[in-house]
N, C-alpha and C. Protein backbone atom coordinates (compact mmCIF):
# COMPACT_ATOMS: atom_id res chain seq x y z
N MET A 1 -82.19 68.52 3.78
CA MET A 1 -82.66 67.52 4.72
C MET A 1 -82.97 66.23 3.94
N SER A 2 -82.44 65.10 4.38
CA SER A 2 -82.67 63.82 3.71
C SER A 2 -84.03 63.26 4.09
N ASP A 3 -84.50 62.26 3.31
CA ASP A 3 -85.76 61.60 3.63
C ASP A 3 -85.74 60.99 5.02
N ALA A 4 -84.59 60.44 5.42
CA ALA A 4 -84.47 59.82 6.75
C ALA A 4 -84.68 60.84 7.85
N ASP A 5 -84.33 62.09 7.58
CA ASP A 5 -84.53 63.15 8.57
C ASP A 5 -85.98 63.60 8.65
N ARG A 6 -86.75 63.40 7.57
CA ARG A 6 -88.14 63.87 7.51
C ARG A 6 -89.16 62.78 7.83
N TRP A 7 -88.82 61.52 7.55
CA TRP A 7 -89.80 60.44 7.63
C TRP A 7 -89.29 59.25 8.42
N VAL A 8 -90.21 58.56 9.10
CA VAL A 8 -89.95 57.25 9.69
C VAL A 8 -90.59 56.27 8.71
N ASP A 9 -89.75 55.44 8.06
CA ASP A 9 -90.21 54.53 7.01
C ASP A 9 -90.49 53.16 7.61
N LEU A 10 -91.76 52.78 7.65
CA LEU A 10 -92.18 51.48 8.18
C LEU A 10 -92.69 50.56 7.08
N GLY A 11 -92.26 50.81 5.85
CA GLY A 11 -92.74 50.02 4.71
C GLY A 11 -94.00 50.65 4.17
N PRO A 12 -95.17 50.06 4.45
CA PRO A 12 -96.40 50.64 3.92
C PRO A 12 -96.80 51.97 4.57
N LEU A 13 -96.20 52.31 5.70
CA LEU A 13 -96.48 53.59 6.35
C LEU A 13 -95.20 54.43 6.39
N LYS A 14 -95.36 55.69 6.02
CA LYS A 14 -94.29 56.67 6.14
C LYS A 14 -94.82 57.75 7.07
N LEU A 15 -94.20 57.86 8.25
CA LEU A 15 -94.65 58.81 9.27
C LEU A 15 -93.74 60.03 9.28
N PRO A 16 -94.32 61.22 9.38
CA PRO A 16 -93.46 62.39 9.52
C PRO A 16 -92.76 62.35 10.88
N ARG A 17 -91.48 62.65 10.89
CA ARG A 17 -90.75 62.70 12.16
C ARG A 17 -91.25 63.89 12.96
N ALA A 18 -91.39 63.69 14.25
CA ALA A 18 -91.85 64.76 15.13
C ALA A 18 -91.01 64.72 16.40
N GLU A 19 -90.62 65.88 16.85
CA GLU A 19 -89.80 66.00 18.05
C GLU A 19 -90.57 65.48 19.27
N ASP A 20 -89.88 64.74 20.12
CA ASP A 20 -90.42 64.22 21.38
C ASP A 20 -91.52 63.19 21.21
N VAL A 21 -91.66 62.59 20.02
CA VAL A 21 -92.66 61.54 19.80
C VAL A 21 -91.94 60.20 19.76
N GLU A 22 -92.33 59.31 20.66
CA GLU A 22 -91.76 57.96 20.72
C GLU A 22 -92.58 57.03 19.84
N VAL A 23 -91.91 56.22 19.02
CA VAL A 23 -92.57 55.28 18.12
C VAL A 23 -92.36 53.87 18.65
N ARG A 24 -93.47 53.17 18.93
CA ARG A 24 -93.40 51.80 19.49
C ARG A 24 -94.12 50.82 18.57
N PRO A 25 -93.53 49.65 18.32
CA PRO A 25 -94.20 48.65 17.49
C PRO A 25 -95.30 47.94 18.28
N VAL A 26 -96.32 47.48 17.55
CA VAL A 26 -97.38 46.64 18.12
C VAL A 26 -97.34 45.33 17.34
N HIS A 27 -97.10 44.23 18.05
CA HIS A 27 -96.97 42.91 17.42
C HIS A 27 -98.27 42.13 17.50
N ASN A 28 -98.51 41.29 16.49
CA ASN A 28 -99.63 40.35 16.59
C ASN A 28 -99.14 39.12 17.34
N GLY A 29 -99.94 38.10 17.45
CA GLY A 29 -99.59 36.90 18.19
C GLY A 29 -98.40 36.14 17.63
N ASP A 30 -98.06 36.39 16.36
CA ASP A 30 -96.94 35.71 15.71
C ASP A 30 -95.66 36.55 15.71
N GLY A 31 -95.68 37.68 16.41
CA GLY A 31 -94.51 38.54 16.47
C GLY A 31 -94.35 39.48 15.30
N ILE A 32 -95.33 39.53 14.42
CA ILE A 32 -95.28 40.43 13.26
C ILE A 32 -95.80 41.80 13.68
N VAL A 33 -95.14 42.86 13.24
CA VAL A 33 -95.57 44.22 13.56
C VAL A 33 -96.74 44.59 12.64
N THR A 34 -97.92 44.78 13.23
CA THR A 34 -99.12 45.11 12.46
C THR A 34 -99.65 46.50 12.76
N ALA A 35 -99.06 47.19 13.71
CA ALA A 35 -99.47 48.55 14.05
C ALA A 35 -98.30 49.24 14.73
N VAL A 36 -98.44 50.53 14.90
CA VAL A 36 -97.42 51.31 15.59
C VAL A 36 -98.15 52.30 16.49
N THR A 37 -97.59 52.51 17.69
CA THR A 37 -98.15 53.49 18.61
C THR A 37 -97.14 54.61 18.79
N LEU A 38 -97.61 55.83 18.63
CA LEU A 38 -96.79 57.02 18.83
C LEU A 38 -97.24 57.68 20.11
N VAL A 39 -96.29 58.05 20.96
CA VAL A 39 -96.62 58.62 22.27
C VAL A 39 -95.87 59.93 22.44
N ASN A 40 -96.60 60.93 22.91
CA ASN A 40 -96.02 62.22 23.24
C ASN A 40 -96.82 62.79 24.40
N GLY A 41 -96.17 62.92 25.54
CA GLY A 41 -96.87 63.45 26.71
C GLY A 41 -98.03 62.56 27.11
N GLN A 42 -99.21 63.16 27.21
CA GLN A 42 -100.41 62.44 27.67
C GLN A 42 -101.26 61.92 26.53
N THR A 43 -100.74 61.94 25.29
CA THR A 43 -101.51 61.48 24.14
C THR A 43 -100.79 60.34 23.45
N ALA A 44 -101.58 59.36 22.98
CA ALA A 44 -101.05 58.25 22.18
C ALA A 44 -101.88 58.13 20.90
N LEU A 45 -101.20 57.82 19.81
CA LEU A 45 -101.84 57.59 18.52
C LEU A 45 -101.39 56.23 18.02
N GLN A 46 -102.35 55.33 17.80
CA GLN A 46 -102.03 54.03 17.21
C GLN A 46 -102.46 54.05 15.76
N LEU A 47 -101.56 53.65 14.86
CA LEU A 47 -101.83 53.61 13.43
C LEU A 47 -101.76 52.18 12.94
N GLN A 48 -102.73 51.84 12.09
CA GLN A 48 -102.77 50.50 11.51
C GLN A 48 -103.32 50.64 10.09
N VAL A 49 -102.69 49.95 9.15
CA VAL A 49 -103.15 50.00 7.76
C VAL A 49 -103.67 48.62 7.36
N PHE A 50 -104.83 48.63 6.69
CA PHE A 50 -105.52 47.42 6.29
C PHE A 50 -105.55 47.30 4.78
N ASP A 51 -105.43 46.07 4.30
CA ASP A 51 -105.61 45.75 2.89
C ASP A 51 -107.11 45.49 2.72
N ILE A 52 -107.78 46.31 1.90
CA ILE A 52 -109.24 46.20 1.77
C ILE A 52 -109.64 46.05 0.32
N ASP A 53 -110.87 45.59 0.11
CA ASP A 53 -111.40 45.56 -1.25
C ASP A 53 -112.26 46.80 -1.48
N ALA A 54 -112.68 47.00 -2.70
CA ALA A 54 -113.39 48.22 -3.08
C ALA A 54 -114.72 48.39 -2.34
N ALA A 55 -115.31 47.32 -1.83
CA ALA A 55 -116.61 47.41 -1.15
C ALA A 55 -116.47 47.95 0.27
N TYR A 56 -115.29 47.96 0.82
CA TYR A 56 -115.08 48.41 2.20
C TYR A 56 -114.59 49.85 2.18
N SER A 57 -115.01 50.64 3.13
CA SER A 57 -114.62 52.04 3.17
C SER A 57 -114.51 52.50 4.61
N TRP A 58 -113.99 53.71 4.82
CA TRP A 58 -113.93 54.28 6.15
C TRP A 58 -115.34 54.49 6.70
N GLY A 59 -116.29 54.83 5.83
CA GLY A 59 -117.68 54.96 6.28
C GLY A 59 -118.22 53.65 6.82
N TYR A 60 -117.96 52.56 6.14
CA TYR A 60 -118.41 51.24 6.59
C TYR A 60 -117.70 50.86 7.90
N ALA A 61 -116.39 51.11 7.96
CA ALA A 61 -115.62 50.80 9.17
C ALA A 61 -116.13 51.61 10.36
N ARG A 62 -116.45 52.89 10.14
CA ARG A 62 -117.00 53.73 11.22
C ARG A 62 -118.29 53.15 11.76
N ALA A 63 -119.17 52.71 10.87
CA ALA A 63 -120.45 52.13 11.31
C ALA A 63 -120.21 50.88 12.16
N GLU A 64 -119.27 50.03 11.74
CA GLU A 64 -118.93 48.83 12.53
C GLU A 64 -118.38 49.21 13.90
N LEU A 65 -117.43 50.16 13.93
CA LEU A 65 -116.84 50.60 15.19
C LEU A 65 -117.90 51.18 16.12
N HIS A 66 -118.77 52.02 15.57
CA HIS A 66 -119.85 52.63 16.35
C HIS A 66 -120.69 51.55 17.04
N ASP A 67 -121.11 50.55 16.28
CA ASP A 67 -121.92 49.46 16.84
C ASP A 67 -121.15 48.67 17.90
N GLN A 68 -119.88 48.37 17.65
CA GLN A 68 -119.07 47.62 18.61
C GLN A 68 -118.91 48.39 19.92
N ILE A 69 -118.69 49.68 19.83
CA ILE A 69 -118.53 50.50 21.04
C ILE A 69 -119.81 50.45 21.87
N LEU A 70 -120.96 50.62 21.22
CA LEU A 70 -122.23 50.59 21.94
C LEU A 70 -122.49 49.21 22.56
N GLN A 71 -122.17 48.14 21.84
CA GLN A 71 -122.36 46.78 22.36
C GLN A 71 -121.50 46.51 23.59
N ARG A 72 -120.37 47.17 23.69
CA ARG A 72 -119.46 46.99 24.84
C ARG A 72 -119.77 47.93 25.99
N GLY A 73 -120.85 48.70 25.86
CA GLY A 73 -121.25 49.58 26.96
C GLY A 73 -120.69 50.98 26.89
N GLY A 74 -120.12 51.35 25.76
CA GLY A 74 -119.57 52.69 25.60
C GLY A 74 -120.56 53.63 24.95
N THR A 75 -120.11 54.84 24.72
CA THR A 75 -120.89 55.83 23.99
C THR A 75 -120.06 56.28 22.80
N ALA A 76 -120.74 56.64 21.71
CA ALA A 76 -120.02 57.03 20.50
C ALA A 76 -120.81 58.07 19.73
N THR A 77 -120.09 59.05 19.20
CA THR A 77 -120.69 60.10 18.38
C THR A 77 -119.85 60.26 17.13
N GLU A 78 -120.51 60.28 15.99
CA GLU A 78 -119.80 60.54 14.74
C GLU A 78 -119.85 62.03 14.47
N LEU A 79 -118.73 62.59 14.03
CA LEU A 79 -118.67 64.00 13.67
C LEU A 79 -117.53 64.24 12.72
N VAL A 80 -117.43 65.46 12.24
CA VAL A 80 -116.33 65.82 11.35
C VAL A 80 -115.30 66.57 12.19
N GLY A 81 -114.08 66.03 12.20
CA GLY A 81 -112.99 66.63 12.98
C GLY A 81 -111.89 67.14 12.06
N ARG A 82 -110.71 67.26 12.60
CA ARG A 82 -109.56 67.81 11.86
C ARG A 82 -109.18 66.98 10.64
N ASN A 83 -109.43 65.67 10.69
CA ASN A 83 -109.08 64.78 9.58
C ASN A 83 -110.30 64.16 8.93
N GLY A 84 -111.41 64.86 8.93
CA GLY A 84 -112.62 64.35 8.29
C GLY A 84 -113.52 63.63 9.29
N HIS A 85 -114.31 62.70 8.77
CA HIS A 85 -115.26 61.98 9.62
C HIS A 85 -114.52 61.13 10.64
N GLU A 86 -114.98 61.18 11.89
CA GLU A 86 -114.36 60.43 12.97
C GLU A 86 -115.42 60.02 13.98
N ILE A 87 -115.01 59.17 14.89
CA ILE A 87 -115.86 58.77 16.02
C ILE A 87 -115.17 59.23 17.29
N ARG A 88 -115.90 59.95 18.11
CA ARG A 88 -115.44 60.28 19.46
C ARG A 88 -116.23 59.40 20.39
N ALA A 89 -115.52 58.73 21.29
CA ALA A 89 -116.19 57.72 22.11
C ALA A 89 -115.66 57.73 23.54
N ARG A 90 -116.48 57.19 24.42
CA ARG A 90 -116.07 56.83 25.78
C ARG A 90 -116.26 55.32 25.84
N VAL A 91 -115.16 54.62 26.13
CA VAL A 91 -115.19 53.17 26.12
C VAL A 91 -114.76 52.63 27.48
N PRO A 92 -115.29 51.46 27.85
CA PRO A 92 -114.86 50.84 29.11
C PRO A 92 -113.38 50.48 29.06
N VAL A 93 -112.68 50.73 30.15
CA VAL A 93 -111.28 50.35 30.27
C VAL A 93 -111.24 48.85 30.52
N THR A 94 -110.32 48.16 29.85
CA THR A 94 -110.26 46.70 29.96
C THR A 94 -109.14 46.25 30.88
N SER A 95 -109.03 46.91 32.01
CA SER A 95 -108.02 46.55 33.01
C SER A 95 -108.73 46.09 34.27
N PRO A 96 -108.28 44.95 34.85
CA PRO A 96 -108.95 44.44 36.04
C PRO A 96 -108.96 45.43 37.21
N ARG A 97 -107.93 46.25 37.32
CA ARG A 97 -107.87 47.17 38.45
C ARG A 97 -108.68 48.45 38.21
N GLU A 98 -109.17 48.65 36.99
CA GLU A 98 -109.96 49.85 36.69
C GLU A 98 -111.37 49.47 36.24
N ASP A 99 -111.94 48.46 36.85
CA ASP A 99 -113.26 47.96 36.49
C ASP A 99 -114.30 49.08 36.60
N GLY A 100 -115.06 49.26 35.54
CA GLY A 100 -116.10 50.27 35.52
C GLY A 100 -115.65 51.63 35.06
N GLU A 101 -114.35 51.83 34.89
CA GLU A 101 -113.82 53.12 34.42
C GLU A 101 -114.08 53.26 32.92
N MET A 102 -114.21 54.50 32.48
CA MET A 102 -114.39 54.80 31.06
C MET A 102 -113.23 55.71 30.63
N THR A 103 -112.85 55.62 29.37
CA THR A 103 -111.79 56.46 28.83
C THR A 103 -112.22 57.05 27.50
N ASP A 104 -111.70 58.24 27.20
CA ASP A 104 -112.00 58.90 25.93
C ASP A 104 -111.08 58.39 24.84
N VAL A 105 -111.64 58.14 23.65
CA VAL A 105 -110.86 57.76 22.48
C VAL A 105 -111.48 58.43 21.26
N ARG A 106 -110.65 58.61 20.25
CA ARG A 106 -111.14 59.07 18.95
C ARG A 106 -110.62 58.12 17.88
N PHE A 107 -111.49 57.77 16.95
CA PHE A 107 -111.12 56.93 15.82
C PHE A 107 -111.15 57.81 14.57
N VAL A 108 -110.03 57.86 13.87
CA VAL A 108 -109.93 58.62 12.63
C VAL A 108 -109.53 57.65 11.53
N GLY A 109 -109.84 57.99 10.30
CA GLY A 109 -109.48 57.09 9.21
C GLY A 109 -109.55 57.76 7.87
N ARG A 110 -108.93 57.10 6.92
CA ARG A 110 -109.05 57.49 5.52
C ARG A 110 -108.66 56.29 4.68
N GLU A 111 -109.15 56.29 3.45
CA GLU A 111 -108.86 55.15 2.57
C GLU A 111 -108.31 55.64 1.24
N GLY A 112 -107.67 54.70 0.57
CA GLY A 112 -107.17 54.91 -0.78
C GLY A 112 -107.38 53.62 -1.54
N PRO A 113 -106.87 53.52 -2.74
CA PRO A 113 -107.08 52.31 -3.53
C PRO A 113 -106.47 51.08 -2.86
N GLY A 114 -107.31 50.21 -2.33
CA GLY A 114 -106.87 48.96 -1.73
C GLY A 114 -106.40 49.05 -0.30
N TRP A 115 -106.54 50.20 0.36
CA TRP A 115 -106.07 50.34 1.74
C TRP A 115 -106.98 51.23 2.56
N LEU A 116 -106.91 51.01 3.88
CA LEU A 116 -107.62 51.83 4.86
C LEU A 116 -106.64 52.09 6.00
N LEU A 117 -106.43 53.36 6.32
CA LEU A 117 -105.59 53.74 7.45
C LEU A 117 -106.51 54.13 8.60
N ARG A 118 -106.32 53.47 9.75
CA ARG A 118 -107.11 53.79 10.94
C ARG A 118 -106.18 54.28 12.04
N GLY A 119 -106.60 55.35 12.68
CA GLY A 119 -105.87 55.89 13.82
C GLY A 119 -106.77 55.87 15.04
N VAL A 120 -106.19 55.51 16.18
CA VAL A 120 -106.91 55.54 17.45
C VAL A 120 -106.14 56.48 18.37
N ILE A 121 -106.80 57.56 18.78
CA ILE A 121 -106.17 58.57 19.63
C ILE A 121 -106.70 58.41 21.04
N ARG A 122 -105.79 58.30 22.01
CA ARG A 122 -106.14 58.15 23.42
C ARG A 122 -105.46 59.25 24.22
N GLY A 123 -105.98 59.47 25.41
CA GLY A 123 -105.36 60.45 26.29
C GLY A 123 -105.89 61.84 26.02
N SER A 124 -105.07 62.84 26.32
CA SER A 124 -105.55 64.23 26.21
C SER A 124 -105.90 64.61 24.78
N GLY A 125 -105.30 64.01 23.77
CA GLY A 125 -105.63 64.30 22.38
C GLY A 125 -106.98 63.77 21.95
N ALA A 126 -107.61 62.93 22.77
CA ALA A 126 -108.92 62.39 22.45
C ALA A 126 -110.06 63.27 22.95
N VAL A 127 -109.74 64.24 23.79
CA VAL A 127 -110.75 65.11 24.36
C VAL A 127 -111.08 66.20 23.35
N SER A 128 -112.36 66.49 23.18
CA SER A 128 -112.80 67.37 22.10
C SER A 128 -112.24 68.79 22.15
N ALA A 129 -112.06 69.37 23.28
CA ALA A 129 -111.62 70.77 23.36
C ALA A 129 -110.13 70.88 23.67
N THR A 130 -109.33 69.96 23.16
CA THR A 130 -107.91 69.95 23.49
C THR A 130 -107.08 70.81 22.55
N ALA A 131 -105.98 71.28 23.04
CA ALA A 131 -105.00 71.98 22.20
C ALA A 131 -103.90 71.02 21.77
N ASP A 132 -103.98 69.76 22.22
CA ASP A 132 -102.98 68.73 21.92
C ASP A 132 -103.30 68.14 20.54
N THR A 133 -102.74 68.74 19.48
CA THR A 133 -103.11 68.39 18.11
C THR A 133 -102.05 67.61 17.34
N TRP A 134 -100.93 67.27 17.96
CA TRP A 134 -99.85 66.62 17.22
C TRP A 134 -100.31 65.30 16.59
N ALA A 135 -101.18 64.55 17.27
CA ALA A 135 -101.64 63.26 16.74
C ALA A 135 -102.43 63.48 15.44
N ASP A 136 -103.28 64.49 15.42
CA ASP A 136 -104.04 64.79 14.20
C ASP A 136 -103.10 65.22 13.07
N GLU A 137 -102.09 66.00 13.40
CA GLU A 137 -101.13 66.45 12.38
C GLU A 137 -100.36 65.27 11.80
N ILE A 138 -99.91 64.35 12.65
CA ILE A 138 -99.19 63.18 12.15
C ILE A 138 -100.11 62.29 11.33
N PHE A 139 -101.33 62.05 11.82
CA PHE A 139 -102.27 61.22 11.06
C PHE A 139 -102.50 61.82 9.67
N GLY A 140 -102.75 63.11 9.62
CA GLY A 140 -103.04 63.77 8.36
C GLY A 140 -101.86 63.78 7.39
N SER A 141 -100.65 63.69 7.90
CA SER A 141 -99.45 63.73 7.06
C SER A 141 -98.88 62.35 6.75
N THR A 142 -99.41 61.30 7.36
CA THR A 142 -98.90 59.94 7.14
C THR A 142 -99.19 59.51 5.70
N VAL A 143 -98.18 58.93 5.07
CA VAL A 143 -98.29 58.45 3.70
C VAL A 143 -98.45 56.93 3.73
N VAL A 144 -99.38 56.41 2.92
CA VAL A 144 -99.59 54.97 2.81
C VAL A 144 -99.11 54.52 1.43
N GLU A 145 -98.25 53.52 1.44
CA GLU A 145 -97.80 52.86 0.21
C GLU A 145 -98.13 51.39 0.38
N PRO A 146 -99.25 50.95 -0.21
CA PRO A 146 -99.75 49.59 0.03
C PRO A 146 -98.69 48.51 -0.14
N ALA A 147 -98.82 47.50 0.70
CA ALA A 147 -97.92 46.35 0.68
C ALA A 147 -98.76 45.09 0.84
N THR A 148 -98.09 43.99 1.01
CA THR A 148 -98.77 42.71 1.17
C THR A 148 -99.33 42.59 2.58
N ARG A 149 -100.52 42.02 2.67
CA ARG A 149 -101.10 41.78 3.99
C ARG A 149 -100.33 40.68 4.70
N VAL A 150 -100.53 40.61 6.01
CA VAL A 150 -99.81 39.65 6.85
C VAL A 150 -100.10 38.21 6.42
N GLY A 151 -101.33 37.88 6.12
CA GLY A 151 -101.70 36.53 5.71
C GLY A 151 -103.06 36.54 5.06
N PRO A 152 -103.47 35.43 4.48
CA PRO A 152 -104.74 35.39 3.75
C PRO A 152 -105.96 35.66 4.64
N ASP A 153 -105.90 35.33 5.91
CA ASP A 153 -107.04 35.56 6.80
C ASP A 153 -106.84 36.77 7.70
N CYS A 154 -105.82 37.56 7.43
CA CYS A 154 -105.50 38.72 8.26
C CYS A 154 -105.41 39.96 7.36
N PRO A 155 -106.28 40.94 7.57
CA PRO A 155 -106.31 42.10 6.67
C PRO A 155 -105.21 43.14 6.92
N TYR A 156 -104.44 43.01 8.01
CA TYR A 156 -103.43 44.01 8.32
C TYR A 156 -102.25 43.92 7.36
N MET A 157 -101.68 45.08 7.06
CA MET A 157 -100.42 45.10 6.30
C MET A 157 -99.27 45.03 7.30
N GLU A 158 -98.28 44.23 6.98
CA GLU A 158 -97.12 44.09 7.86
C GLU A 158 -96.24 45.32 7.76
N LEU A 159 -95.86 45.86 8.92
CA LEU A 159 -94.98 47.01 8.97
C LEU A 159 -93.54 46.55 9.14
N GLN A 160 -92.64 47.31 8.59
CA GLN A 160 -91.20 47.03 8.69
C GLN A 160 -90.71 47.52 10.05
N TRP A 161 -90.11 46.61 10.82
CA TRP A 161 -89.53 47.03 12.10
C TRP A 161 -88.20 46.33 12.27
N PRO A 162 -87.13 47.01 12.58
CA PRO A 162 -87.05 48.45 12.84
C PRO A 162 -87.28 49.25 11.58
N PRO A 163 -87.54 50.56 11.75
CA PRO A 163 -87.79 51.40 10.58
C PRO A 163 -86.65 51.32 9.57
N VAL A 164 -87.01 51.47 8.30
CA VAL A 164 -86.04 51.45 7.20
C VAL A 164 -85.28 52.77 7.21
N ASP A 165 -83.95 52.70 7.04
CA ASP A 165 -83.15 53.92 6.92
C ASP A 165 -83.27 54.39 5.48
N SER A 166 -83.92 55.53 5.28
CA SER A 166 -84.20 56.04 3.93
C SER A 166 -83.09 56.89 3.37
N ALA A 167 -82.00 57.04 4.05
CA ALA A 167 -80.94 57.95 3.59
C ALA A 167 -80.27 57.47 2.34
């Protein structure tokens, strides 16, 4: 099996290929791909890699996310899940037609030298007692190879789109 058969190469992110998982780019305001969303059934996983300095960590990012969720009227609990420390939250939906609705999300992350990978799981995979584990498996298997950030004031690493053919 070739690398192209095993991995989706997005430059700084290498995702394991998974059957029935759709990979969609997420663009910033300038049309640059700064994240990717993977969708399978009722679950979505958004992955984004950040260029960070040594003072920033997943622990620090979790504390910031926790505070932001509470400030926006949501609820958040930190716990240890399948991929280590995570936040399970209920956050307000930001759609005009669903005013007042709340949705379940999970924030997972890990860091390495100069980078932080953050995953946001929505849908059935965000519910605590779910058997829908593909998002956790992909997050745990994703490889980060640091690259240049999008710009001096933007901490995101630019992803290659369309994916690189690794064959």
